[in-house]
Amino acid sequence: MRRMQVSRRALAQTLPVKMRGLMLAPMVASALFATGQARADSAADFYRGKTINMIVGYSSGGGYDIYARTVARYLGNHVPGGPKVVVTNMPGAGSLVSVNHLYNIAPKDGTAIATFGRGLPMEPLIGAAKVQFDATKFTWIGSVASELSVCAVTQKSKVMTFEDSLNIEAAVGGEGSGSDPDTYASLVKNLFGSKMKLVTGYPGGNDMTLAIERGELDGRCGWSWGSIKATRPDWVSGPNKLRILLQMTLERSHEMPDVPTVLEKAKSQADKDVVKLIVSRQTVARPFAAPPGIPEDRKMALRKGFDETMTDKEFVAEAKTLTLDVEPVTGAEIDKLIAELYQSSPEVIARAKAVIAGSAVASGK
């Protein structure tokens, strides 16, 4: 008698529904594994011998630049195919130049990524700059850390507390529309009536720091605490210690429990809603993204490589030596956050836009 060969799938169709699932599960798992392996192999074939250009939207020497160069030293080791990673600085308009370039000009094949101001993804929603991108369409790779930013002035300033800034003028630096220094200075000026005078147009954080040292500026608002610790540790403690006026956060940090947050200064629920929308960008403090529409296998390879870099022992050790905060946020988490922020009510969005649309004094740089 001739034996009939019956496939696992055909046999499953003869069983009750519950048993079909149990029988087909190994087949599904095997198919998914094979698909994932094929994607990994495809990405490795592409990246082998290639170079990834990592664009930094600011001048060299600042916080974003230091973070980028540290990540670049390890990222290629964790991307399939082991590509080289080369850093290029592209400053301009608070990193807007680099973002527009990434979205419209950079190759969409997975060989270009960029890091830029954490506020830029919100610029199409609440900003005034002429953006040429849709933040919801970027290929988000991840962020090295969430961020604690502050409003701070030097010991030479007459401003002792945030309340003093409501009556005493202090010149604070900025980079351009959408950048944290400009946005946060406008926030405290227009929502609370602070006398802070925004002097904008500096190419990057290091340029503003030098301007502070020269006495051109009294300080900065929206200043990364991690960058201060990494680039000017003597300003954290010692005779040149900065005077911290506000934490630009939703909750007080354990590092400065006696300094109020900007949310605490909001008097009404409407003000609090505006503060939350603007300050939520701190979650993606050091973002990395690729252009929209890159192949799926390379997107997953870049995300996997970034996530593995964040736990690389040598990377973590170097970051600690450089006093860089490492509290990674995944690309998927950034996707979710941006989608949620872009669903804010029209009323809150309109008020946030009005708050940060204040005038500024050009620095001539």
Protein backbone atom coordinates (compact mmCIF):
# COMPACT_ATOMS: atom_id res chain seq x y z
CA MET A 1 0.00 0.00 0.00
CA ARG A 2 1.38 3.41 -1.00
CA ARG A 3 2.12 5.69 1.96
CA MET A 4 0.80 9.21 1.77
CA GLN A 5 3.12 12.08 2.66
CA VAL A 6 1.14 14.67 4.67
CA SER A 7 2.68 18.08 5.39
CA ARG A 8 2.66 19.55 8.89
CA ARG A 9 0.54 22.47 7.60
CA ALA A 10 -2.00 20.16 5.90
CA LEU A 11 -2.22 17.98 9.00
CA ALA A 12 -2.80 21.03 11.18
CA GLN A 13 -5.88 21.92 9.15
CA THR A 14 -7.54 18.67 10.25
CA LEU A 15 -7.10 19.45 13.97
CA PRO A 16 -9.18 21.59 16.34
CA VAL A 17 -8.32 25.30 16.25
CA LYS A 18 -6.47 25.32 19.61
CA MET A 19 -4.27 22.40 18.58
CA ARG A 20 -3.53 23.97 15.18
CA GLY A 21 -1.83 26.90 16.89
CA LEU A 22 0.36 24.64 18.96
CA MET A 23 1.41 22.63 15.93
CA LEU A 24 2.09 25.63 13.70
CA ALA A 25 3.94 27.70 16.33
CA PRO A 26 7.35 26.09 15.68
CA MET A 27 6.90 26.73 11.95
CA VAL A 28 6.07 30.40 12.54
CA ALA A 29 9.01 30.84 14.92
CA SER A 30 11.33 29.18 12.44
CA ALA A 31 10.10 31.44 9.63
CA LEU A 32 10.55 34.58 11.73
CA PHE A 33 14.05 33.53 12.74
CA ALA A 34 14.96 32.87 9.13
CA THR A 35 13.59 36.24 8.07
CA GLY A 36 15.52 38.04 10.82
CA GLN A 37 18.70 36.15 9.93
CA ALA A 38 18.27 37.02 6.26
CA ARG A 39 17.91 40.70 7.15
CA ALA A 40 21.04 40.59 9.31
CA ASP A 41 23.02 38.88 6.55
CA SER A 42 21.75 41.39 4.00
CA ALA A 43 22.76 44.34 6.19
CA ALA A 44 26.18 42.81 6.84
CA ASP A 45 26.75 42.35 3.10
CA PHE A 46 25.85 46.00 2.51
CA TYR A 47 27.92 47.53 5.33
CA ARG A 48 31.03 45.43 4.78
CA GLY A 49 33.74 47.82 3.55
CA LYS A 50 31.40 50.84 3.77
CA THR A 51 31.76 54.08 5.75
CA ILE A 52 28.97 55.65 7.80
CA ASN A 53 29.10 59.44 7.86
CA MET A 54 28.00 60.71 11.28
CA ILE A 55 26.99 64.37 10.99
CA VAL A 56 27.12 66.62 14.06
CA GLY A 57 24.91 69.67 13.80
CA TYR A 58 27.24 71.84 15.86
CA SER A 59 30.83 73.05 15.89
CA SER A 60 33.56 70.89 17.45
CA GLY A 61 34.28 70.84 21.16
CA GLY A 62 30.72 71.11 22.49
CA GLY A 63 28.58 68.51 24.21
CA TYR A 64 26.93 67.07 21.09
CA ASP A 65 30.31 66.79 19.39
CA ILE A 66 31.89 64.97 22.34
CA TYR A 67 28.97 62.54 22.59
CA ALA A 68 29.05 61.89 18.83
CA ARG A 69 32.77 61.22 18.66
CA THR A 70 32.60 58.88 21.63
CA VAL A 71 29.73 56.89 20.07
CA ALA A 72 31.51 56.84 16.69
CA ARG A 73 34.54 55.08 18.16
CA TYR A 74 32.42 52.02 19.01
CA LEU A 75 29.31 52.00 16.80
CA GLY A 76 30.99 50.36 13.81
CA ASN A 77 31.96 47.38 15.97
CA HIS A 78 28.30 46.58 16.53
CA VAL A 79 26.78 47.22 13.10
CA PRO A 80 26.78 44.05 10.95
CA GLY A 81 29.63 44.17 8.45
CA GLY A 82 31.78 46.39 10.68
CA PRO A 83 31.65 49.69 8.76
CA LYS A 84 33.93 52.62 9.57
CA VAL A 85 32.24 55.61 11.22
CA VAL A 86 33.54 59.07 10.35
CA VAL A 87 32.37 62.25 12.12
CA THR A 88 31.66 65.45 10.18
CA ASN A 89 30.65 68.78 11.76
CA MET A 90 27.88 70.73 10.01
CA PRO A 91 26.99 73.69 12.26
CA GLY A 92 24.38 76.29 11.44
CA ALA A 93 21.08 77.71 12.77
CA GLY A 94 21.12 75.68 15.97
CA SER A 95 21.75 72.45 13.97
CA LEU A 96 18.80 73.10 11.63
CA VAL A 97 21.19 73.08 8.65
CA SER A 98 22.26 69.52 9.46
CA VAL A 99 18.68 68.30 9.99
CA ASN A 100 17.48 69.72 6.67
CA HIS A 101 20.52 68.14 5.01
CA LEU A 102 19.86 64.75 6.59
CA TYR A 103 16.22 64.76 5.50
CA ASN A 104 16.61 66.08 1.95
CA ILE A 105 20.17 65.56 0.71
CA ALA A 106 21.97 62.80 2.63
CA PRO A 107 21.90 59.34 0.99
CA LYS A 108 18.95 57.22 2.09
CA ASP A 109 20.87 53.96 2.04
CA GLY A 110 21.94 53.76 5.69
CA THR A 111 25.38 55.35 5.28
CA ALA A 112 24.39 58.72 6.77
CA ILE A 113 23.26 59.44 10.32
CA ALA A 114 23.21 62.63 12.35
CA THR A 115 22.94 64.01 15.85
CA PHE A 116 21.39 67.41 16.38
CA GLY A 117 19.57 69.63 18.85
CA ARG A 118 16.97 67.74 20.84
CA GLY A 119 14.47 70.51 20.19
CA LEU A 120 14.57 70.25 16.40
CA PRO A 121 12.04 67.39 16.18
CA MET A 122 9.50 69.77 17.75
CA GLU A 123 10.26 72.68 15.44
CA PRO A 124 7.67 71.78 12.77
CA LEU A 125 5.05 71.63 15.51
CA ILE A 126 5.75 74.67 17.68
CA GLY A 127 8.72 76.49 16.16
CA ALA A 128 9.19 79.43 13.83
CA ALA A 129 12.10 78.24 11.70
CA LYS A 130 11.68 77.34 8.04
CA VAL A 131 11.99 73.60 8.43
CA GLN A 132 12.28 71.23 5.50
CA PHE A 133 11.51 67.97 7.25
CA ASP A 134 8.81 65.89 8.91
CA ALA A 135 10.08 64.75 12.31
CA THR A 136 7.72 61.77 12.39
CA LYS A 137 9.36 60.30 9.27
CA PHE A 138 12.99 60.24 10.37
CA THR A 139 14.57 56.84 10.99
CA TRP A 140 15.18 57.26 14.72
CA ILE A 141 18.14 55.21 15.89
CA GLY A 142 18.25 56.10 19.59
CA SER A 143 19.45 58.61 22.15
CA VAL A 144 22.48 58.23 24.41
CA ALA A 145 20.70 59.83 27.35
CA SER A 146 17.75 61.71 28.65
CA GLU A 147 18.88 65.12 29.81
CA LEU A 148 18.96 67.52 32.70
CA SER A 149 19.22 71.11 31.45
CA VAL A 150 19.50 74.25 33.53
CA CYS A 151 19.30 78.02 33.40
CA ALA A 152 22.54 79.26 34.92
CA VAL A 153 24.65 82.40 35.22
CA THR A 154 28.20 83.05 36.37
CA GLN A 155 29.20 84.43 39.75
CA LYS A 156 29.78 87.82 38.08
CA SER A 157 26.08 88.24 37.32
CA LYS A 158 23.87 90.36 39.56
CA VAL A 159 21.15 87.74 39.22
CA MET A 160 21.22 85.55 42.33
CA THR A 161 17.93 83.65 41.91
CA PHE A 162 15.34 83.13 39.20
CA GLU A 163 13.14 85.70 40.93
CA ASP A 164 15.96 88.23 40.49
CA SER A 165 15.83 87.63 36.73
CA LEU A 166 12.30 89.02 36.72
CA ASN A 167 13.78 92.46 37.47
CA ILE A 168 17.48 92.28 36.53
CA GLU A 169 18.66 91.77 32.95
CA ALA A 170 21.01 88.91 32.11
CA ALA A 171 22.40 88.16 28.65
CA VAL A 172 22.08 84.48 27.72
CA GLY A 173 23.40 82.76 24.61
CA GLY A 174 21.50 81.04 21.81
CA GLU A 175 22.14 79.14 18.60
CA GLY A 176 19.03 79.61 16.49
CA SER A 177 15.32 78.84 16.36
CA GLY A 178 14.50 75.37 17.69
CA SER A 179 17.65 74.99 19.76
CA ASP A 180 17.33 74.52 23.51
CA PRO A 181 19.07 77.78 24.51
CA ASP A 182 16.75 79.88 22.32
CA THR A 183 13.59 77.95 23.14
CA TYR A 184 14.10 77.86 26.89
CA ALA A 185 15.22 81.48 27.14
CA SER A 186 12.05 82.46 25.27
CA LEU A 187 9.99 80.21 27.52
CA VAL A 188 11.11 81.84 30.77
CA LYS A 189 11.00 85.32 29.24
CA ASN A 190 7.55 85.13 27.68
CA LEU A 191 5.76 82.82 30.11
CA PHE A 192 7.16 84.22 33.37
CA GLY A 193 8.31 87.74 32.45
CA SER A 194 12.03 87.16 33.00
CA LYS A 195 14.40 89.94 31.89
CA MET A 196 16.76 87.47 30.23
CA LYS A 197 18.09 88.91 26.96
CA LEU A 198 18.65 86.28 24.29
CA VAL A 199 21.81 86.82 22.23
CA THR A 200 21.52 84.24 19.46
CA GLY A 201 23.47 82.92 16.48
CA TYR A 202 26.40 81.08 18.10
CA PRO A 203 27.54 77.99 16.11
CA GLY A 204 27.52 75.68 19.13
CA GLY A 205 27.80 75.16 22.85
CA ASN A 206 31.57 75.58 22.96
CA ASP A 207 31.27 78.99 21.28
CA MET A 208 28.77 80.14 23.90
CA THR A 209 30.98 78.85 26.70
CA LEU A 210 33.89 80.86 25.35
CA ALA A 211 31.62 83.92 25.09
CA ILE A 212 30.71 83.47 28.75
CA GLU A 213 34.39 83.27 29.67
CA ARG A 214 35.04 86.49 27.72
CA GLY A 215 32.22 88.23 29.56
CA GLU A 216 30.02 88.65 26.47
CA LEU A 217 27.29 86.56 28.09
CA ASP A 218 26.11 86.12 31.67
CA GLY A 219 25.07 82.52 31.11
CA ARG A 220 22.75 80.19 29.27
CA CYS A 221 19.24 78.86 29.65
CA GLY A 222 18.67 75.33 28.39
CA TRP A 223 22.26 74.38 29.18
CA SER A 224 23.04 70.66 29.39
CA TRP A 225 24.21 69.76 32.87
CA GLY A 226 26.05 66.79 31.39
CA SER A 227 27.93 69.10 29.01
CA ILE A 228 28.89 71.44 31.84
CA LYS A 229 30.29 68.54 33.85
CA ALA A 230 32.17 67.19 30.83
CA THR A 231 33.63 70.45 29.46
CA ARG A 232 33.92 72.75 32.49
CA PRO A 233 34.00 70.60 35.67
CA ASP A 234 35.40 73.55 37.63
CA TRP A 235 32.07 75.33 37.02
CA VAL A 236 30.25 72.59 38.90
CA SER A 237 32.26 73.13 42.07
CA GLY A 238 34.95 75.51 43.26
CA PRO A 239 35.34 79.30 43.10
CA ASN A 240 33.91 79.55 39.55
CA LYS A 241 30.82 77.55 40.41
CA LEU A 242 27.82 78.50 38.29
CA ARG A 243 24.69 79.90 39.88
CA ILE A 244 21.87 77.53 38.89
CA LEU A 245 18.57 79.42 38.63
CA LEU A 246 16.21 76.76 37.27
CA GLN A 247 16.12 73.12 36.27
CA MET A 248 14.51 72.87 32.83
CA THR A 249 12.86 69.60 33.80
CA LEU A 250 9.51 68.27 34.98
CA GLU A 251 10.96 66.81 38.19
CA ARG A 252 13.87 67.85 40.42
CA SER A 253 17.10 65.98 39.90
CA HIS A 254 18.79 64.28 42.84
CA GLU A 255 21.93 66.21 41.86
CA MET A 256 20.36 69.56 42.76
CA PRO A 257 17.38 68.93 45.05
CA ASP A 258 17.22 72.56 46.22
CA VAL A 259 16.90 74.12 42.75
CA PRO A 260 13.32 74.63 41.50
CA THR A 261 12.09 73.25 38.18
CA VAL A 262 10.50 75.32 35.44
CA LEU A 263 7.28 73.35 35.94
CA GLU A 264 7.12 74.52 39.56
CA LYS A 265 7.10 78.13 38.35
CA ALA A 266 3.99 77.55 36.22
CA LYS A 267 0.99 79.03 38.03
CA SER A 268 -1.95 77.67 36.01
CA GLN A 269 -2.77 74.34 34.39
CA ALA A 270 -2.59 76.05 30.98
CA ASP A 271 0.97 77.17 31.75
CA LYS A 272 1.88 73.69 32.98
CA ASP A 273 0.56 72.13 29.76
CA VAL A 274 2.77 74.46 27.72
CA VAL A 275 5.83 73.72 29.86
CA LYS A 276 5.27 69.98 29.55
CA LEU A 277 4.99 70.12 25.76
CA ILE A 278 8.19 72.16 25.40
CA VAL A 279 10.31 70.42 28.05
CA SER A 280 9.39 66.84 27.09
CA ARG A 281 12.21 66.99 24.51
CA GLN A 282 14.62 66.31 27.39
CA THR A 283 13.75 62.63 27.04
CA VAL A 284 15.69 62.51 23.76
CA ALA A 285 18.64 64.60 24.85
CA ARG A 286 21.28 63.16 22.53
CA PRO A 287 19.32 61.86 19.52
CA PHE A 288 20.71 60.02 16.52
CA ALA A 289 18.69 59.58 13.35
CA ALA A 290 19.02 58.47 9.73
CA PRO A 291 17.05 59.85 6.79
CA PRO A 292 13.51 58.61 6.17
CA GLY A 293 12.96 55.59 3.99
CA ILE A 294 16.21 53.68 4.44
CA PRO A 295 15.91 49.90 3.85
CA GLU A 296 14.35 48.07 6.78
CA ASP A 297 17.28 45.70 7.28
CA ARG A 298 19.69 48.62 7.64
CA LYS A 299 17.34 50.45 9.98
CA MET A 300 17.27 47.41 12.26
CA ALA A 301 21.05 46.99 11.94
CA LEU A 302 21.67 50.61 12.99
CA ARG A 303 19.25 50.36 15.91
CA LYS A 304 20.76 47.08 17.07
CA GLY A 305 24.27 48.47 16.69
CA PHE A 306 23.38 51.58 18.67
CA ASP A 307 21.69 49.61 21.47
CA GLU A 308 24.70 47.29 21.76
CA THR A 309 27.08 50.25 21.79
CA MET A 310 25.23 51.69 24.79
CA THR A 311 26.11 48.55 26.78
CA ASP A 312 29.63 48.11 25.38
CA LYS A 313 31.91 47.96 28.44
CA GLU A 314 34.66 50.01 26.81
CA PHE A 315 32.18 52.65 25.64
CA VAL A 316 30.58 52.89 29.08
CA ALA A 317 34.02 53.17 30.71
CA GLU A 318 35.12 55.95 28.35
CA ALA A 319 31.83 57.80 28.81
CA LYS A 320 32.34 57.64 32.55
CA THR A 321 35.87 59.00 32.21
CA LEU A 322 34.53 61.88 30.11
CA THR A 323 31.67 62.47 32.60
CA LEU A 324 29.09 61.72 29.91
CA ASP A 325 25.68 60.55 31.08
CA VAL A 326 24.54 57.28 29.51
CA GLU A 327 20.83 56.59 30.01
CA PRO A 328 19.87 55.26 26.57
CA VAL A 329 16.52 55.66 24.86
CA THR A 330 15.72 53.30 21.98
CA GLY A 331 14.68 54.35 18.50
CA ALA A 332 11.27 52.75 19.02
CA GLU A 333 10.76 54.77 22.20
CA ILE A 334 11.61 57.98 20.34
CA ASP A 335 9.08 57.06 17.63
CA LYS A 336 6.40 56.68 20.30
CA LEU A 337 7.25 59.91 22.14
CA ILE A 338 7.24 62.05 19.00
CA ALA A 339 3.95 60.54 17.86
CA GLU A 340 2.39 61.38 21.24
CA LEU A 341 3.71 64.97 21.27
CA TYR A 342 2.38 65.56 17.76
CA GLN A 343 -1.08 64.59 19.01
CA SER A 344 -1.18 67.49 21.52
CA SER A 345 -4.32 69.64 21.43
CA PRO A 346 -4.41 72.60 19.02
CA GLU A 347 -4.88 74.97 21.97
CA VAL A 348 -1.71 73.84 23.76
CA ILE A 349 0.28 73.86 20.51
CA ALA A 350 -0.88 77.40 19.66
CA ARG A 351 0.03 78.71 23.11
CA ALA A 352 3.43 77.00 23.08
CA LYS A 353 4.21 78.55 19.69
CA ALA A 354 3.28 81.99 21.01
CA VAL A 355 5.43 81.54 24.11
CA ILE A 356 8.62 80.65 22.25
CA ALA A 357 8.17 83.14 19.41
CA GLY A 358 9.70 86.06 21.36
CA SER A 359 12.25 88.39 19.75
CA ALA A 360 16.01 87.99 20.20
CA VAL A 361 19.10 90.20 19.93
CA ALA A 362 21.35 89.00 17.10
CA SER A 363 24.94 88.23 18.12
CA GLY A 364 26.32 88.93 14.66
CA LYS A 365 27.99 85.48 14.52
